[in-house]
PDB file of all heavy atoms in Angstrom:
ATOM      1  N   GLU A   1      77.198 223.971  55.468  1.00  0.00           N
ATOM      2  CA  GLU A   1      76.765 223.774  56.836  1.00  0.00           C
ATOM      3  C   GLU A   1      75.757 224.850  57.272  1.00  0.00           C
ATOM      4  O   GLU A   1      74.771 224.545  57.930  1.00  0.00           O
ATOM      5  CB  GLU A   1      77.955 223.743  57.812  1.00  0.00           C
ATOM      6  CG  GLU A   1      77.554 223.500  59.260  1.00  0.00           C
ATOM      7  CD  GLU A   1      76.623 222.300  59.483  1.00  0.00           C
ATOM      8  OE1 GLU A   1      76.781 221.268  58.800  1.00  0.00           O
ATOM      9  OE2 GLU A   1      75.728 222.419  60.339  1.00  0.00           O
ATOM     10  N   GLN A   2      75.989 226.105  56.864  1.00  0.00           N
ATOM     11  CA  GLN A   2      75.052 227.177  57.236  1.00  0.00           C
ATOM     12  C   GLN A   2      73.700 226.980  56.546  1.00  0.00           C
ATOM     13  O   GLN A   2      72.650 227.192  57.158  1.00  0.00           O
ATOM     14  CB  GLN A   2      75.641 228.535  56.898  1.00  0.00           C
ATOM     15  CG  GLN A   2      76.762 228.935  57.835  1.00  0.00           C
ATOM     16  CD  GLN A   2      77.196 230.375  57.617  1.00  0.00           C
ATOM     17  OE1 GLN A   2      76.385 231.227  57.247  1.00  0.00           O
ATOM     18  NE2 GLN A   2      78.466 230.651  57.851  1.00  0.00           N
ATOM     19  N   VAL A   3      73.719 226.563  55.292  1.00  0.00           N
ATOM     20  CA  VAL A   3      72.467 226.315  54.566  1.00  0.00           C
ATOM     21  C   VAL A   3      71.723 225.150  55.225  1.00  0.00           C
ATOM     22  O   VAL A   3      70.521 225.240  55.479  1.00  0.00           O
ATOM     23  CB  VAL A   3      72.739 226.041  53.074  1.00  0.00           C
ATOM     24  CG1 VAL A   3      71.472 225.557  52.366  1.00  0.00           C
ATOM     25  CG2 VAL A   3      73.299 227.284  52.395  1.00  0.00           C
ATOM     26  N   ASN A   4      72.425 224.064  55.525  1.00  0.00           N
ATOM     27  CA  ASN A   4      71.793 222.919  56.170  1.00  0.00           C
ATOM     28  C   ASN A   4      71.199 223.283  57.529  1.00  0.00           C
ATOM     29  O   ASN A   4      70.090 222.867  57.862  1.00  0.00           O
ATOM     30  CB  ASN A   4      72.797 221.770  56.329  1.00  0.00           C
ATOM     31  CG  ASN A   4      73.121 221.108  55.006  1.00  0.00           C
ATOM     32  OD1 ASN A   4      72.359 221.205  54.034  1.00  0.00           O
ATOM     33  ND2 ASN A   4      74.251 220.433  54.956  1.00  0.00           N
ATOM     34  N   ARG A   5      71.916 224.067  58.321  1.00  0.00           N
ATOM     35  CA  ARG A   5      71.428 224.498  59.632  1.00  0.00           C
ATOM     36  C   ARG A   5      70.168 225.351  59.476  1.00  0.00           C
ATOM     37  O   ARG A   5      69.200 225.187  60.224  1.00  0.00           O
ATOM     38  CB  ARG A   5      72.519 225.282  60.361  1.00  0.00           C
ATOM     39  CG  ARG A   5      72.197 225.555  61.805  1.00  0.00           C
ATOM     40  CD  ARG A   5      73.327 226.269  62.563  1.00  0.00           C
ATOM     41  NE  ARG A   5      74.639 225.703  62.306  1.00  0.00           N
ATOM     42  CZ  ARG A   5      75.670 226.390  61.797  1.00  0.00           C
ATOM     43  NH1 ARG A   5      75.558 227.668  61.505  1.00  0.00           N
ATOM     44  NH2 ARG A   5      76.838 225.819  61.599  1.00  0.00           N
ATOM     45  N   ALA A   6      70.154 226.247  58.493  1.00  0.00           N
ATOM     46  CA  ALA A   6      68.984 227.097  58.268  1.00  0.00           C
ATOM     47  C   ALA A   6      67.771 226.270  57.843  1.00  0.00           C
ATOM     48  O   ALA A   6      66.668 226.474  58.338  1.00  0.00           O
ATOM     49  CB  ALA A   6      69.303 228.154  57.219  1.00  0.00           C
ATOM     50  N   ILE A   7      67.978 225.312  56.943  1.00  0.00           N
ATOM     51  CA  ILE A   7      66.866 224.460  56.489  1.00  0.00           C
ATOM     52  C   ILE A   7      66.314 223.658  57.656  1.00  0.00           C
ATOM     53  O   ILE A   7      65.095 223.560  57.832  1.00  0.00           O
ATOM     54  CB  ILE A   7      67.320 223.540  55.326  1.00  0.00           C
ATOM     55  CG1 ILE A   7      67.559 224.389  54.066  1.00  0.00           C
ATOM     56  CG2 ILE A   7      66.283 222.440  55.068  1.00  0.00           C
ATOM     57  CD1 ILE A   7      68.202 223.627  52.926  1.00  0.00           C
ATOM     58  N   ARG A   8      67.175 223.092  58.502  1.00  0.00           N
ATOM     59  CA  ARG A   8      66.697 222.336  59.672  1.00  0.00           C
ATOM     60  C   ARG A   8      65.887 223.235  60.599  1.00  0.00           C
ATOM     61  O   ARG A   8      64.855 222.828  61.125  1.00  0.00           O
ATOM     62  CB  ARG A   8      67.866 221.688  60.408  1.00  0.00           C
ATOM     63  CG  ARG A   8      68.441 220.471  59.698  1.00  0.00           C
ATOM     64  CD  ARG A   8      69.402 219.692  60.580  1.00  0.00           C
ATOM     65  NE  ARG A   8      70.559 220.459  61.003  1.00  0.00           N
ATOM     66  CZ  ARG A   8      71.704 220.594  60.328  1.00  0.00           C
ATOM     67  NH1 ARG A   8      71.846 219.956  59.173  1.00  0.00           N
ATOM     68  NH2 ARG A   8      72.699 221.289  60.802  1.00  0.00           N
ATOM     69  N   ALA A   9      66.336 224.471  60.808  1.00  0.00           N
ATOM     70  CA  ALA A   9      65.620 225.391  61.697  1.00  0.00           C
ATOM     71  C   ALA A   9      64.233 225.701  61.144  1.00  0.00           C
ATOM     72  O   ALA A   9      63.252 225.761  61.892  1.00  0.00           O
ATOM     73  CB  ALA A   9      66.432 226.678  61.878  1.00  0.00           C
ATOM     74  N   VAL A  10      64.132 225.913  59.829  1.00  0.00           N
ATOM     75  CA  VAL A  10      62.835 226.217  59.222  1.00  0.00           C
ATOM     76  C   VAL A  10      61.913 225.009  59.328  1.00  0.00           C
ATOM     77  O   VAL A  10      60.745 225.131  59.712  1.00  0.00           O
ATOM     78  CB  VAL A  10      63.018 226.655  57.742  1.00  0.00           C
ATOM     79  CG1 VAL A  10      61.670 226.707  57.021  1.00  0.00           C
ATOM     80  CG2 VAL A  10      63.729 227.990  57.673  1.00  0.00           C
ATOM     81  N   TRP A  11      62.418 223.823  59.017  1.00  0.00           N
ATOM     82  CA  TRP A  11      61.556 222.635  59.045  1.00  0.00           C
ATOM     83  C   TRP A  11      61.131 222.258  60.451  1.00  0.00           C
ATOM     84  O   TRP A  11      60.052 221.670  60.631  1.00  0.00           O
ATOM     85  CB  TRP A  11      62.249 221.459  58.343  1.00  0.00           C
ATOM     86  CG  TRP A  11      62.106 221.590  56.852  1.00  0.00           C
ATOM     87  CD1 TRP A  11      62.980 222.176  55.997  1.00  0.00           C
ATOM     88  CD2 TRP A  11      60.996 221.189  56.066  1.00  0.00           C
ATOM     89  NE1 TRP A  11      62.482 222.164  54.718  1.00  0.00           N
ATOM     90  CE2 TRP A  11      61.264 221.542  54.732  1.00  0.00           C
ATOM     91  CE3 TRP A  11      59.792 220.556  56.345  1.00  0.00           C
ATOM     92  CZ2 TRP A  11      60.377 221.302  53.696  1.00  0.00           C
ATOM     93  CZ3 TRP A  11      58.911 220.298  55.297  1.00  0.00           C
ATOM     94  CH2 TRP A  11      59.209 220.674  53.991  1.00  0.00           C
ATOM     95  N   ALA A  12      61.895 222.592  61.465  1.00  0.00           N
ATOM     96  CA  ALA A  12      61.501 222.302  62.849  1.00  0.00           C
ATOM     97  C   ALA A  12      60.574 223.368  63.427  1.00  0.00           C
ATOM     98  O   ALA A  12      59.895 223.144  64.429  1.00  0.00           O
ATOM     99  CB  ALA A  12      62.756 222.182  63.716  1.00  0.00           C
ATOM    100  N   SER A  13      60.508 224.526  62.796  1.00  0.00           N
ATOM    101  CA  SER A  13      59.797 225.664  63.389  1.00  0.00           C
ATOM    102  C   SER A  13      58.291 225.508  63.591  1.00  0.00           C
ATOM    103  O   SER A  13      57.740 226.174  64.463  1.00  0.00           O
ATOM    104  CB  SER A  13      60.117 226.931  62.597  1.00  0.00           C
ATOM    105  OG  SER A  13      59.567 226.896  61.300  1.00  0.00           O
ATOM    106  N   PRO A  14      57.546 224.646  62.853  1.00  0.00           N
ATOM    107  CA  PRO A  14      56.114 224.512  63.167  1.00  0.00           C
ATOM    108  C   PRO A  14      55.862 224.007  64.583  1.00  0.00           C
ATOM    109  O   PRO A  14      54.763 224.140  65.102  1.00  0.00           O
ATOM    110  CB  PRO A  14      55.615 223.502  62.133  1.00  0.00           C
ATOM    111  CG  PRO A  14      56.559 223.619  61.003  1.00  0.00           C
ATOM    112  CD  PRO A  14      57.886 223.918  61.638  1.00  0.00           C
ATOM    113  N   PHE A  15      56.881 223.445  65.217  1.00  0.00           N
ATOM    114  CA  PHE A  15      56.718 222.907  66.564  1.00  0.00           C
ATOM    115  C   PHE A  15      57.106 223.917  67.646  1.00  0.00           C
ATOM    116  O   PHE A  15      57.031 223.615  68.837  1.00  0.00           O
ATOM    117  CB  PHE A  15      57.522 221.621  66.702  1.00  0.00           C
ATOM    118  CG  PHE A  15      57.096 220.593  65.682  1.00  0.00           C
ATOM    119  CD1 PHE A  15      57.845 220.387  64.537  1.00  0.00           C
ATOM    120  CD2 PHE A  15      55.924 219.873  65.848  1.00  0.00           C
ATOM    121  CE1 PHE A  15      57.441 219.473  63.565  1.00  0.00           C
ATOM    122  CE2 PHE A  15      55.515 218.949  64.891  1.00  0.00           C
ATOM    123  CZ  PHE A  15      56.272 218.747  63.749  1.00  0.00           C
ATOM    124  N   LEU A  16      57.514 225.120  67.245  1.00  0.00           N
ATOM    125  CA  LEU A  16      57.842 226.162  68.212  1.00  0.00           C
ATOM    126  C   LEU A  16      56.558 226.722  68.823  1.00  0.00           C
ATOM    127  O   LEU A  16      55.525 226.799  68.163  1.00  0.00           O
ATOM    128  CB  LEU A  16      58.627 227.286  67.544  1.00  0.00           C
ATOM    129  CG  LEU A  16      60.017 226.938  67.019  1.00  0.00           C
ATOM    130  CD1 LEU A  16      60.619 228.133  66.271  1.00  0.00           C
ATOM    131  CD2 LEU A  16      60.931 226.515  68.162  1.00  0.00           C
ATOM    132  N   GLU A  17      56.643 227.158  70.068  1.00  0.00           N
ATOM    133  CA  GLU A  17      55.477 227.702  70.765  1.00  0.00           C
ATOM    134  C   GLU A  17      54.852 228.869  70.000  1.00  0.00           C
ATOM    135  O   GLU A  17      53.630 228.968  69.896  1.00  0.00           O
ATOM    136  CB  GLU A  17      55.896 228.148  72.163  1.00  0.00           C
ATOM    137  CG  GLU A  17      54.749 228.625  73.016  1.00  0.00           C
ATOM    138  CD  GLU A  17      55.171 228.982  74.419  1.00  0.00           C
ATOM    139  OE1 GLU A  17      56.273 228.600  74.849  1.00  0.00           O
ATOM    140  OE2 GLU A  17      54.378 229.643  75.098  1.00  0.00           O
ATOM    141  N   LYS A  18      55.677 229.749  69.429  1.00  0.00           N
ATOM    142  CA  LYS A  18      55.172 230.904  68.670  1.00  0.00           C
ATOM    143  C   LYS A  18      54.310 230.453  67.493  1.00  0.00           C
ATOM    144  O   LYS A  18      53.220 230.972  67.272  1.00  0.00           O
ATOM    145  CB  LYS A  18      56.350 231.750  68.175  1.00  0.00           C
ATOM    146  CG  LYS A  18      55.940 232.922  67.287  1.00  0.00           C
ATOM    147  CD  LYS A  18      57.125 233.677  66.769  1.00  0.00           C
ATOM    148  CE  LYS A  18      57.532 233.131  65.437  1.00  0.00           C
ATOM    149  NZ  LYS A  18      58.428 233.975  64.682  1.00  0.00           N
ATOM    150  N   SER A  19      54.777 229.462  66.763  1.00  0.00           N
ATOM    151  CA  SER A  19      54.042 228.979  65.594  1.00  0.00           C
ATOM    152  C   SER A  19      52.722 228.323  66.011  1.00  0.00           C
ATOM    153  O   SER A  19      51.678 228.560  65.398  1.00  0.00           O
ATOM    154  CB  SER A  19      54.920 227.992  64.812  1.00  0.00           C
ATOM    155  OG  SER A  19      54.239 227.542  63.661  1.00  0.00           O
ATOM    156  N   ILE A  20      52.769 227.517  67.043  1.00  0.00           N
ATOM    157  CA  ILE A  20      51.553 226.850  67.532  1.00  0.00           C
ATOM    158  C   ILE A  20      50.540 227.888  68.008  1.00  0.00           C
ATOM    159  O   ILE A  20      49.353 227.800  67.711  1.00  0.00           O
ATOM    160  CB  ILE A  20      51.894 225.840  68.635  1.00  0.00           C
ATOM    161  CG1 ILE A  20      52.720 224.697  68.044  1.00  0.00           C
ATOM    162  CG2 ILE A  20      50.632 225.317  69.313  1.00  0.00           C
ATOM    163  CD1 ILE A  20      53.365 223.793  69.076  1.00  0.00           C
ATOM    164  N   PHE A  21      51.000 228.902  68.735  1.00  0.00           N
ATOM    165  CA  PHE A  21      50.128 229.967  69.228  1.00  0.00           C
ATOM    166  C   PHE A  21      49.427 230.671  68.072  1.00  0.00           C
ATOM    167  O   PHE A  21      48.206 230.849  68.095  1.00  0.00           O
ATOM    168  CB  PHE A  21      50.944 230.971  70.058  1.00  0.00           C
ATOM    169  CG  PHE A  21      50.155 232.203  70.432  1.00  0.00           C
ATOM    170  CD1 PHE A  21      49.265 232.177  71.489  1.00  0.00           C
ATOM    171  CD2 PHE A  21      50.300 233.374  69.707  1.00  0.00           C
ATOM    172  CE1 PHE A  21      48.527 233.307  71.823  1.00  0.00           C
ATOM    173  CE2 PHE A  21      49.575 234.508  70.036  1.00  0.00           C
ATOM    174  CZ  PHE A  21      48.684 234.471  71.098  1.00  0.00           C
ATOM    175  N   TRP A  22      50.179 231.109  67.044  1.00  0.00           N
ATOM    176  CA  TRP A  22      49.579 231.854  65.944  1.00  0.00           C
ATOM    177  C   TRP A  22      48.617 230.981  65.143  1.00  0.00           C
ATOM    178  O   TRP A  22      47.573 231.464  64.697  1.00  0.00           O
ATOM    179  CB  TRP A  22      50.654 232.463  65.046  1.00  0.00           C
ATOM    180  CG  TRP A  22      51.276 233.659  65.684  1.00  0.00           C
ATOM    181  CD1 TRP A  22      52.527 233.754  66.202  1.00  0.00           C
ATOM    182  CD2 TRP A  22      50.650 234.924  65.942  1.00  0.00           C
ATOM    183  NE1 TRP A  22      52.738 234.996  66.746  1.00  0.00           N
ATOM    184  CE2 TRP A  22      51.604 235.737  66.598  1.00  0.00           C
ATOM    185  CE3 TRP A  22      49.402 235.450  65.672  1.00  0.00           C
ATOM    186  CZ2 TRP A  22      51.332 237.040  66.995  1.00  0.00           C
ATOM    187  CZ3 TRP A  22      49.136 236.752  66.067  1.00  0.00           C
ATOM    188  CH2 TRP A  22      50.083 237.515  66.718  1.00  0.00           C
ATOM    189  N   ARG A  23      48.941 229.714  64.962  1.00  0.00           N
ATOM    190  CA  ARG A  23      47.989 228.830  64.262  1.00  0.00           C
ATOM    191  C   ARG A  23      46.723 228.660  65.071  1.00  0.00           C
ATOM    192  O   ARG A  23      45.616 228.647  64.527  1.00  0.00           O
ATOM    193  CB  ARG A  23      48.634 227.475  63.965  1.00  0.00           C
ATOM    194  CG  ARG A  23      49.661 227.517  62.862  1.00  0.00           C
ATOM    195  CD  ARG A  23      50.035 226.125  62.355  1.00  0.00           C
ATOM    196  NE  ARG A  23      50.317 225.143  63.360  1.00  0.00           N
ATOM    197  CZ  ARG A  23      51.501 224.965  63.950  1.00  0.00           C
ATOM    198  NH1 ARG A  23      52.520 225.736  63.639  1.00  0.00           N
ATOM    199  NH2 ARG A  23      51.680 224.024  64.851  1.00  0.00           N
ATOM    200  N   ALA A  24      46.837 228.529  66.401  1.00  0.00           N
ATOM    201  CA  ALA A  24      45.664 228.378  67.263  1.00  0.00           C
ATOM    202  C   ALA A  24      44.763 229.608  67.167  1.00  0.00           C
ATOM    203  O   ALA A  24      43.541 229.503  67.216  1.00  0.00           O
ATOM    204  CB  ALA A  24      46.092 228.139  68.702  1.00  0.00           C
ATOM    205  N   MET A  25      45.377 230.787  67.031  1.00  0.00           N
ATOM    206  CA  MET A  25      44.595 232.027  66.901  1.00  0.00           C
ATOM    207  C   MET A  25      43.853 232.071  65.571  1.00  0.00           C
ATOM    208  O   MET A  25      42.799 232.707  65.472  1.00  0.00           O
ATOM    209  CB  MET A  25      45.518 233.249  67.014  1.00  0.00           C
ATOM    210  CG  MET A  25      46.237 233.390  68.336  1.00  0.00           C
ATOM    211  SD  MET A  25      45.129 233.808  69.676  1.00  0.00           S
ATOM    212  CE  MET A  25      44.793 235.518  69.254  1.00  0.00           C
ATOM    213  N   ALA A  26      44.376 231.413  64.556  1.00  0.00           N
ATOM    214  CA  ALA A  26      43.834 231.517  63.206  1.00  0.00           C
ATOM    215  C   ALA A  26      42.751 230.484  62.893  1.00  0.00           C
ATOM    216  O   ALA A  26      41.982 230.656  61.958  1.00  0.00           O
ATOM    217  CB  ALA A  26      44.960 231.389  62.181  1.00  0.00           C
ATOM    218  N   VAL A  27      42.694 229.413  63.664  1.00  0.00           N
ATOM    219  CA  VAL A  27      41.722 228.356  63.381  1.00  0.00           C
ATOM    220  C   VAL A  27      40.808 228.141  64.571  1.00  0.00           C
ATOM    221  O   VAL A  27      41.192 228.361  65.708  1.00  0.00           O
ATOM    222  CB  VAL A  27      42.414 227.012  63.016  1.00  0.00           C
ATOM    223  CG1 VAL A  27      43.218 227.143  61.749  1.00  0.00           C
ATOM    224  CG2 VAL A  27      43.276 226.511  64.139  1.00  0.00           C
ATOM    225  N   SER A  28      39.592 227.736  64.302  1.00  0.00           N
ATOM    226  CA  SER A  28      38.646 227.463  65.389  1.00  0.00           C
ATOM    227  C   SER A  28      38.442 225.955  65.499  1.00  0.00           C
ATOM    228  O   SER A  28      37.382 225.438  65.228  1.00  0.00           O
ATOM    229  CB  SER A  28      37.328 228.176  65.118  1.00  0.00           C
ATOM    230  OG  SER A  28      36.803 227.767  63.876  1.00  0.00           O
ATOM    231  N   SER A  29      39.505 225.275  65.877  1.00  0.00           N
ATOM    232  CA  SER A  29      39.482 223.824  65.988  1.00  0.00           C
ATOM    233  C   SER A  29      40.123 223.432  67.320  1.00  0.00           C
ATOM    234  O   SER A  29      41.055 224.105  67.777  1.00  0.00           O
ATOM    235  CB  SER A  29      40.293 223.230  64.821  1.00  0.00           C
ATOM    236  OG  SER A  29      40.528 221.862  65.034  1.00  0.00           O
ATOM    237  N   PRO A  30      39.646 222.380  67.950  1.00  0.00           N
ATOM    238  CA  PRO A  30      40.250 221.964  69.228  1.00  0.00           C
ATOM    239  C   PRO A  30      41.695 221.467  69.060  1.00  0.00           C
ATOM    240  O   PRO A  30      42.465 221.460  70.003  1.00  0.00           O
ATOM    241  CB  PRO A  30      39.349 220.853  69.745  1.00  0.00           C
ATOM    242  CG  PRO A  30      38.542 220.413  68.579  1.00  0.00           C
ATOM    243  CD  PRO A  30      38.505 221.547  67.598  1.00  0.00           C
TER     244      PRO A  30
END
């Protein structure tokens, strides 16, 4: 259960505000 919870958290993380912010800083695309 702990492994499954960790994997779900990692796979959902590209949609977190922090991840979106850092990607926006790294690319020059609308």
